[in-house]
Every structure is written in structure tokens, then in C-alpha cells.
């Protein structure tokens, strides 16, 4: 089997993850990725939830649910997309 290759230099954040049990480190890394991905996608789509959901290849309901978890953006009354401060 091929050896596992690790970068010689890790960021401080990566080093902190390495101190955690695997499952905990993985969960934190996934949460960080999801938040970064959603924030970037919403910025790219000028806050339009429908456009961002399409770009993420997700249905709008599930995308909105995930979005609420991280960035304080909620779907307004009448299907409008609205951004609220976190």
C-alpha cells in the first residue's frame, strides 16, 4: 500500500485538529467547510437562495435549512430570499 503523505507545514488550525480524536476532528472540519462553502456561494449569488441552491445542486428547502444553520439567512414570507444579521 502507498504511504500516507502529509504536508511538512500545517496551519495552526490544522495542528489543533490533529490533537483531537478522529471523529471530532472530522466533524469540526466538515462544519468549517460547510460554513465557508455556503457563505461563499451566497456571496457569489448576491444573497439569492434559489440561485445558490441550484448552483450547489440542492433543492431549495434543504439548502435553506443548511443555510440557516450557519449564516442567518432565511427564506422570507412569500418565497422571498432575505438576509438577516447573525
N, C-alpha and C. Protein backbone atom coordinates (compact mmCIF):
# COMPACT_ATOMS: atom_id res chain seq x y z
N UNK A 1 0.84 -1.19 0.00
CA UNK A 1 0.00 0.00 0.00
C UNK A 1 0.88 1.24 0.00
N UNK A 2 0.34 2.31 -0.56
CA UNK A 2 1.09 3.56 -0.65
C UNK A 2 1.15 4.24 0.71
N UNK A 3 2.28 4.87 1.02
CA UNK A 3 2.39 5.57 2.30
C UNK A 3 1.52 6.83 2.31
N UNK A 4 1.09 7.22 3.49
CA UNK A 4 0.31 8.44 3.64
C UNK A 4 1.26 9.62 3.62
N UNK A 5 0.99 10.59 2.75
CA UNK A 5 1.85 11.76 2.63
C UNK A 5 1.19 12.93 3.37
N UNK A 6 1.94 13.56 4.27
CA UNK A 6 1.44 14.71 5.00
C UNK A 6 2.26 15.93 4.63
N UNK A 7 1.62 17.09 4.59
CA UNK A 7 2.35 18.33 4.34
C UNK A 7 3.34 18.57 5.47
N UNK A 8 4.51 19.06 5.13
CA UNK A 8 5.52 19.33 6.14
C UNK A 8 5.10 20.47 7.05
N UNK A 9 4.40 21.44 6.50
CA UNK A 9 3.98 22.60 7.28
C UNK A 9 2.45 22.60 7.33
N UNK A 10 1.92 22.69 8.54
CA UNK A 10 0.47 22.75 8.74
C UNK A 10 0.11 24.09 9.36
N UNK A 11 -1.09 24.55 9.09
CA UNK A 11 -1.55 25.77 9.74
C UNK A 11 -1.80 25.47 11.21
N UNK A 12 -1.88 26.50 12.02
CA UNK A 12 -2.17 26.32 13.44
C UNK A 12 -3.49 25.62 13.65
N UNK A 13 -4.46 25.92 12.80
CA UNK A 13 -5.77 25.30 12.91
C UNK A 13 -5.68 23.80 12.62
N UNK A 14 -4.92 23.43 11.61
CA UNK A 14 -4.73 22.02 11.29
C UNK A 14 -4.06 21.29 12.44
N UNK A 15 -3.09 21.95 13.07
CA UNK A 15 -2.39 21.33 14.19
C UNK A 15 -3.35 21.08 15.35
N UNK A 16 -4.28 22.01 15.57
CA UNK A 16 -5.27 21.82 16.63
C UNK A 16 -6.18 20.64 16.33
N UNK A 17 -6.57 20.49 15.06
CA UNK A 17 -7.41 19.34 14.68
C UNK A 17 -6.68 18.03 14.93
N UNK A 18 -5.38 18.03 14.70
CA UNK A 18 -4.59 16.80 14.86
C UNK A 18 -4.54 16.34 16.32
N UNK A 19 -4.84 17.21 17.25
CA UNK A 19 -4.83 16.87 18.68
C UNK A 19 -6.14 16.22 19.12
N UNK A 20 -7.14 16.27 18.27
CA UNK A 20 -8.47 15.76 18.61
C UNK A 20 -8.64 14.32 18.14
N UNK A 21 -9.59 13.60 18.75
CA UNK A 21 -9.93 12.27 18.22
C UNK A 21 -10.44 12.42 16.78
N UNK A 22 -10.26 11.40 15.97
CA UNK A 22 -10.60 11.45 14.55
C UNK A 22 -12.02 11.94 14.31
N UNK A 23 -13.01 11.35 14.97
CA UNK A 23 -14.41 11.71 14.72
C UNK A 23 -14.67 13.18 15.02
N UNK A 24 -14.10 13.68 16.11
CA UNK A 24 -14.29 15.08 16.49
C UNK A 24 -13.61 16.00 15.48
N UNK A 25 -12.39 15.66 15.09
CA UNK A 25 -11.66 16.47 14.12
C UNK A 25 -12.39 16.51 12.79
N UNK A 26 -12.92 15.37 12.36
CA UNK A 26 -13.65 15.31 11.09
C UNK A 26 -14.90 16.16 11.16
N UNK A 27 -15.65 16.06 12.26
CA UNK A 27 -16.87 16.84 12.41
C UNK A 27 -16.57 18.34 12.35
N UNK A 28 -15.53 18.78 13.04
CA UNK A 28 -15.17 20.20 13.03
C UNK A 28 -14.73 20.66 11.65
N UNK A 29 -13.98 19.81 10.95
CA UNK A 29 -13.52 20.16 9.60
C UNK A 29 -14.71 20.28 8.64
N UNK A 30 -15.67 19.38 8.75
CA UNK A 30 -16.86 19.41 7.90
C UNK A 30 -17.69 20.66 8.19
N UNK A 31 -17.87 20.99 9.46
CA UNK A 31 -18.63 22.19 9.82
C UNK A 31 -17.96 23.44 9.26
N UNK A 32 -16.64 23.51 9.38
CA UNK A 32 -15.90 24.66 8.86
C UNK A 32 -16.07 24.75 7.34
N UNK A 33 -15.95 23.61 6.64
CA UNK A 33 -16.11 23.60 5.19
C UNK A 33 -17.51 24.05 4.78
N UNK A 34 -18.54 23.47 5.43
CA UNK A 34 -19.91 23.82 5.06
C UNK A 34 -20.16 25.32 5.22
N UNK A 35 -19.73 25.89 6.32
CA UNK A 35 -19.93 27.31 6.56
C UNK A 35 -19.21 28.14 5.50
N UNK A 36 -17.96 27.83 5.23
CA UNK A 36 -17.19 28.56 4.23
C UNK A 36 -17.84 28.43 2.85
N UNK A 37 -18.25 27.23 2.49
CA UNK A 37 -18.87 26.96 1.19
C UNK A 37 -20.16 27.76 1.03
N UNK A 38 -21.02 27.69 2.03
CA UNK A 38 -22.31 28.38 1.96
C UNK A 38 -22.14 29.89 1.93
N UNK A 39 -21.27 30.42 2.76
CA UNK A 39 -21.05 31.87 2.76
C UNK A 39 -20.51 32.33 1.40
N UNK A 40 -19.56 31.59 0.85
CA UNK A 40 -19.01 31.94 -0.46
C UNK A 40 -20.03 31.85 -1.56
N UNK A 41 -20.84 30.81 -1.53
CA UNK A 41 -21.87 30.63 -2.54
C UNK A 41 -22.93 31.73 -2.47
N UNK A 42 -23.34 32.08 -1.26
CA UNK A 42 -24.33 33.15 -1.11
C UNK A 42 -23.77 34.48 -1.58
N UNK A 43 -22.51 34.73 -1.32
CA UNK A 43 -21.89 35.97 -1.80
C UNK A 43 -21.84 35.98 -3.33
N UNK A 44 -21.44 34.86 -3.89
CA UNK A 44 -21.36 34.73 -5.35
C UNK A 44 -22.71 34.92 -6.02
N UNK A 45 -23.77 34.49 -5.34
CA UNK A 45 -25.13 34.58 -5.89
C UNK A 45 -25.88 35.80 -5.37
N UNK A 46 -25.16 36.76 -4.84
CA UNK A 46 -25.74 38.02 -4.34
C UNK A 46 -26.90 37.78 -3.37
N UNK A 47 -26.77 36.77 -2.50
CA UNK A 47 -27.77 36.50 -1.48
C UNK A 47 -29.02 35.79 -1.97
N UNK A 48 -29.04 35.37 -3.22
CA UNK A 48 -30.22 34.70 -3.78
C UNK A 48 -30.17 33.21 -3.45
N UNK A 49 -31.05 32.79 -2.54
CA UNK A 49 -31.07 31.40 -2.07
C UNK A 49 -31.37 30.43 -3.21
N UNK A 50 -32.33 30.77 -4.05
CA UNK A 50 -32.69 29.87 -5.15
C UNK A 50 -31.52 29.65 -6.10
N UNK A 51 -30.84 30.73 -6.46
CA UNK A 51 -29.69 30.61 -7.36
C UNK A 51 -28.56 29.81 -6.70
N UNK A 52 -28.33 30.06 -5.42
CA UNK A 52 -27.27 29.35 -4.71
C UNK A 52 -27.60 27.86 -4.59
N UNK A 53 -28.86 27.55 -4.32
CA UNK A 53 -29.28 26.14 -4.22
C UNK A 53 -29.08 25.43 -5.55
N UNK A 54 -29.45 26.09 -6.65
CA UNK A 54 -29.25 25.49 -7.97
C UNK A 54 -27.76 25.24 -8.22
N UNK A 55 -26.94 26.22 -7.88
CA UNK A 55 -25.50 26.09 -8.12
C UNK A 55 -24.90 24.96 -7.28
N UNK A 56 -25.45 24.76 -6.07
CA UNK A 56 -24.98 23.69 -5.18
C UNK A 56 -25.60 22.34 -5.55
N UNK A 57 -26.52 22.35 -6.53
CA UNK A 57 -27.22 21.14 -6.94
C UNK A 57 -28.02 20.53 -5.78
N UNK A 58 -28.70 21.42 -5.04
CA UNK A 58 -29.54 21.01 -3.92
C UNK A 58 -30.93 21.59 -4.13
N UNK A 59 -31.95 20.94 -3.55
CA UNK A 59 -33.26 21.55 -3.61
C UNK A 59 -33.29 22.71 -2.61
N UNK A 60 -34.11 23.69 -2.91
CA UNK A 60 -34.12 24.94 -2.15
C UNK A 60 -34.44 24.73 -0.67
N UNK A 61 -35.36 23.84 -0.35
CA UNK A 61 -35.75 23.61 1.04
C UNK A 61 -34.57 23.10 1.86
N UNK A 62 -33.88 22.09 1.36
CA UNK A 62 -32.74 21.54 2.10
C UNK A 62 -31.58 22.54 2.15
N UNK A 63 -31.38 23.27 1.07
CA UNK A 63 -30.32 24.28 1.06
C UNK A 63 -30.61 25.35 2.10
N UNK A 64 -31.86 25.81 2.15
CA UNK A 64 -32.25 26.84 3.11
C UNK A 64 -32.07 26.35 4.55
N UNK A 65 -32.41 25.09 4.80
CA UNK A 65 -32.26 24.50 6.13
C UNK A 65 -30.78 24.50 6.54
N UNK A 66 -29.92 24.10 5.64
CA UNK A 66 -28.48 24.08 5.92
C UNK A 66 -27.96 25.50 6.10
N UNK A 67 -28.44 26.40 5.29
CA UNK A 67 -28.00 27.79 5.35
C UNK A 67 -28.35 28.42 6.70
N UNK A 68 -29.54 28.17 7.18
CA UNK A 68 -29.97 28.72 8.48
C UNK A 68 -29.03 28.26 9.60
N UNK A 69 -28.53 27.06 9.47
CA UNK A 69 -27.63 26.51 10.49
C UNK A 69 -26.37 27.35 10.64
N UNK A 70 -25.93 27.99 9.56
CA UNK A 70 -24.64 28.65 9.56
C UNK A 70 -24.64 30.16 9.43
N UNK A 71 -25.45 30.73 8.57
CA UNK A 71 -25.22 32.12 8.22
C UNK A 71 -26.40 33.05 8.46
N UNK A 72 -27.43 32.65 9.14
CA UNK A 72 -28.50 33.56 9.47
C UNK A 72 -29.27 34.09 8.28
N UNK A 73 -29.32 33.32 7.21
CA UNK A 73 -30.11 33.72 6.05
C UNK A 73 -31.34 32.82 6.04
N UNK A 74 -32.50 33.45 5.92
CA UNK A 74 -33.73 32.68 5.94
C UNK A 74 -34.61 33.08 4.77
N UNK A 75 -35.45 32.17 4.38
CA UNK A 75 -36.41 32.44 3.32
C UNK A 75 -37.57 33.21 3.91
N UNK A 76 -37.88 34.35 3.33
CA UNK A 76 -38.93 35.22 3.85
C UNK A 76 -40.31 34.78 3.44
N UNK A 77 -41.28 35.50 3.91
CA UNK A 77 -42.68 35.26 3.55
C UNK A 77 -42.86 35.37 2.05
N UNK A 78 -43.69 34.58 1.48
CA UNK A 78 -43.98 34.66 0.06
C UNK A 78 -42.85 34.16 -0.83
N UNK A 79 -41.91 33.39 -0.25
CA UNK A 79 -40.84 32.81 -1.06
C UNK A 79 -39.69 33.74 -1.35
N UNK A 80 -39.70 34.94 -0.75
CA UNK A 80 -38.59 35.87 -0.98
C UNK A 80 -37.37 35.44 -0.18
N UNK A 81 -36.21 35.73 -0.72
CA UNK A 81 -34.97 35.47 -0.01
C UNK A 81 -34.60 36.71 0.76
N UNK A 82 -34.32 36.56 2.05
CA UNK A 82 -33.94 37.70 2.86
C UNK A 82 -32.72 37.33 3.69
N UNK A 83 -31.83 38.30 3.87
CA UNK A 83 -30.64 38.06 4.67
C UNK A 83 -30.80 38.81 5.99
N UNK A 84 -30.50 38.14 7.08
CA UNK A 84 -30.59 38.72 8.41
C UNK A 84 -29.21 38.67 9.05
N UNK A 85 -28.94 39.65 9.89
CA UNK A 85 -27.66 39.67 10.60
C UNK A 85 -27.60 38.49 11.56
N UNK A 86 -26.41 37.93 11.71
CA UNK A 86 -26.22 36.79 12.60
C UNK A 86 -26.10 37.27 14.02
